[in-house]
Amino acid sequence: LVLPYIDQPFLDRIAVFKNLFDETIYPPLESVPKKYAIIRRNEWMVDSADIVIACVKYCWGGAARTLENAKRIKKTVILL
């Protein structure tokens, strides 16, 4: 689980997340406003990945933008 920010709803369910995921990662996004945290988290995941596996249904939105970014920077992309 890669979190864009840590908020109270996450803290309230932390025990559930620990049972569902092997690890929880919070990228270095402390200085990013919450409004942009998901976008920056997606950029961080692509930058950190060797391979990007994606299932993007529409050509608009955050997932599509992240997929285009992965292609632009020449990441290996596997589409589902």
Protein backbone atom coordinates (compact mmCIF):
# COMPACT_ATOMS: atom_id res chain seq x y z
CA LEU A 1 0.00 0.00 0.00
CA VAL A 2 1.50 3.34 -1.07
CA LEU A 3 -0.20 6.24 0.68
CA PRO A 4 -0.31 9.79 -0.70
CA TYR A 5 -0.87 11.17 2.80
CA ILE A 6 -1.55 9.97 6.32
CA ASP A 7 -4.88 11.16 7.66
CA GLN A 8 -7.24 10.28 10.48
CA PRO A 9 -9.31 7.75 8.48
CA PHE A 10 -6.09 5.84 7.76
CA LEU A 11 -5.03 5.98 11.40
CA ASP A 12 -8.47 4.74 12.46
CA ARG A 13 -8.10 1.65 10.23
CA ILE A 14 -4.36 1.00 10.58
CA ALA A 15 -4.93 -2.46 12.09
CA VAL A 16 -7.05 -3.48 9.08
CA PHE A 17 -4.37 -2.27 6.65
CA LYS A 18 -1.68 -4.20 8.51
CA ASN A 19 -3.67 -7.40 7.89
CA LEU A 20 -4.34 -6.64 4.22
CA PHE A 21 -0.91 -5.46 3.04
CA ASP A 22 2.64 -6.70 3.55
CA GLU A 23 3.96 -3.17 3.85
CA THR A 24 2.74 0.42 3.97
CA ILE A 25 4.88 3.06 2.27
CA TYR A 26 4.59 6.79 2.59
CA PRO A 27 6.78 8.54 -0.03
CA PRO A 28 8.61 11.77 0.89
CA LEU A 29 5.64 14.07 0.27
CA GLU A 30 5.51 16.05 3.50
CA SER A 31 5.86 19.40 1.71
CA VAL A 32 3.22 18.61 -0.95
CA PRO A 33 -0.27 20.06 -0.36
CA LYS A 34 -2.89 17.35 0.16
CA LYS A 35 -4.66 18.51 -3.02
CA TYR A 36 -1.65 17.40 -5.11
CA ALA A 37 -0.46 14.46 -3.02
CA ILE A 38 -2.08 11.72 -5.11
CA ILE A 39 -0.57 13.09 -8.33
CA ARG A 40 2.88 13.34 -6.73
CA ARG A 41 2.51 9.86 -5.18
CA ASN A 42 1.76 8.45 -8.65
CA GLU A 43 4.80 10.22 -10.10
CA TRP A 44 6.95 8.84 -7.27
CA MET A 45 5.69 5.30 -7.89
CA VAL A 46 6.50 5.50 -11.62
CA ASP A 47 9.93 7.01 -10.95
CA SER A 48 10.68 4.27 -8.39
CA ALA A 49 9.43 1.36 -10.50
CA ASP A 50 11.35 -0.83 -12.92
CA ILE A 51 8.10 -2.03 -14.52
CA VAL A 52 4.68 -0.36 -14.54
CA ILE A 53 1.63 -2.63 -14.66
CA ALA A 54 -1.51 -0.69 -15.53
CA CYS A 55 -5.18 -1.15 -16.24
CA VAL A 56 -6.47 2.17 -17.54
CA LYS A 57 -10.05 2.23 -18.78
CA TYR A 58 -10.30 5.86 -19.93
CA CYS A 59 -7.92 8.20 -21.73
CA TRP A 60 -8.50 10.96 -19.17
CA GLY A 61 -7.85 11.30 -15.46
CA GLY A 62 -5.03 10.53 -13.09
CA ALA A 63 -4.43 6.92 -14.11
CA ALA A 64 -4.19 7.85 -17.79
CA ARG A 65 -1.88 10.76 -16.99
CA THR A 66 0.32 8.48 -14.89
CA LEU A 67 0.45 5.87 -17.67
CA GLU A 68 1.45 8.52 -20.22
CA ASN A 69 4.18 9.72 -17.86
CA ALA A 70 5.51 6.15 -17.56
CA LYS A 71 5.60 5.80 -21.35
CA ARG A 72 7.21 9.23 -21.78
CA ILE A 73 10.09 8.40 -19.47
CA LYS A 74 10.53 5.01 -21.19
CA LYS A 75 9.45 2.70 -18.39
CA THR A 76 8.54 -0.86 -19.31
CA VAL A 77 4.73 -0.88 -19.30
CA ILE A 78 2.47 -3.92 -19.12
CA LEU A 79 -1.16 -3.16 -19.91
CA LEU A 80 -3.89 -5.38 -18.47
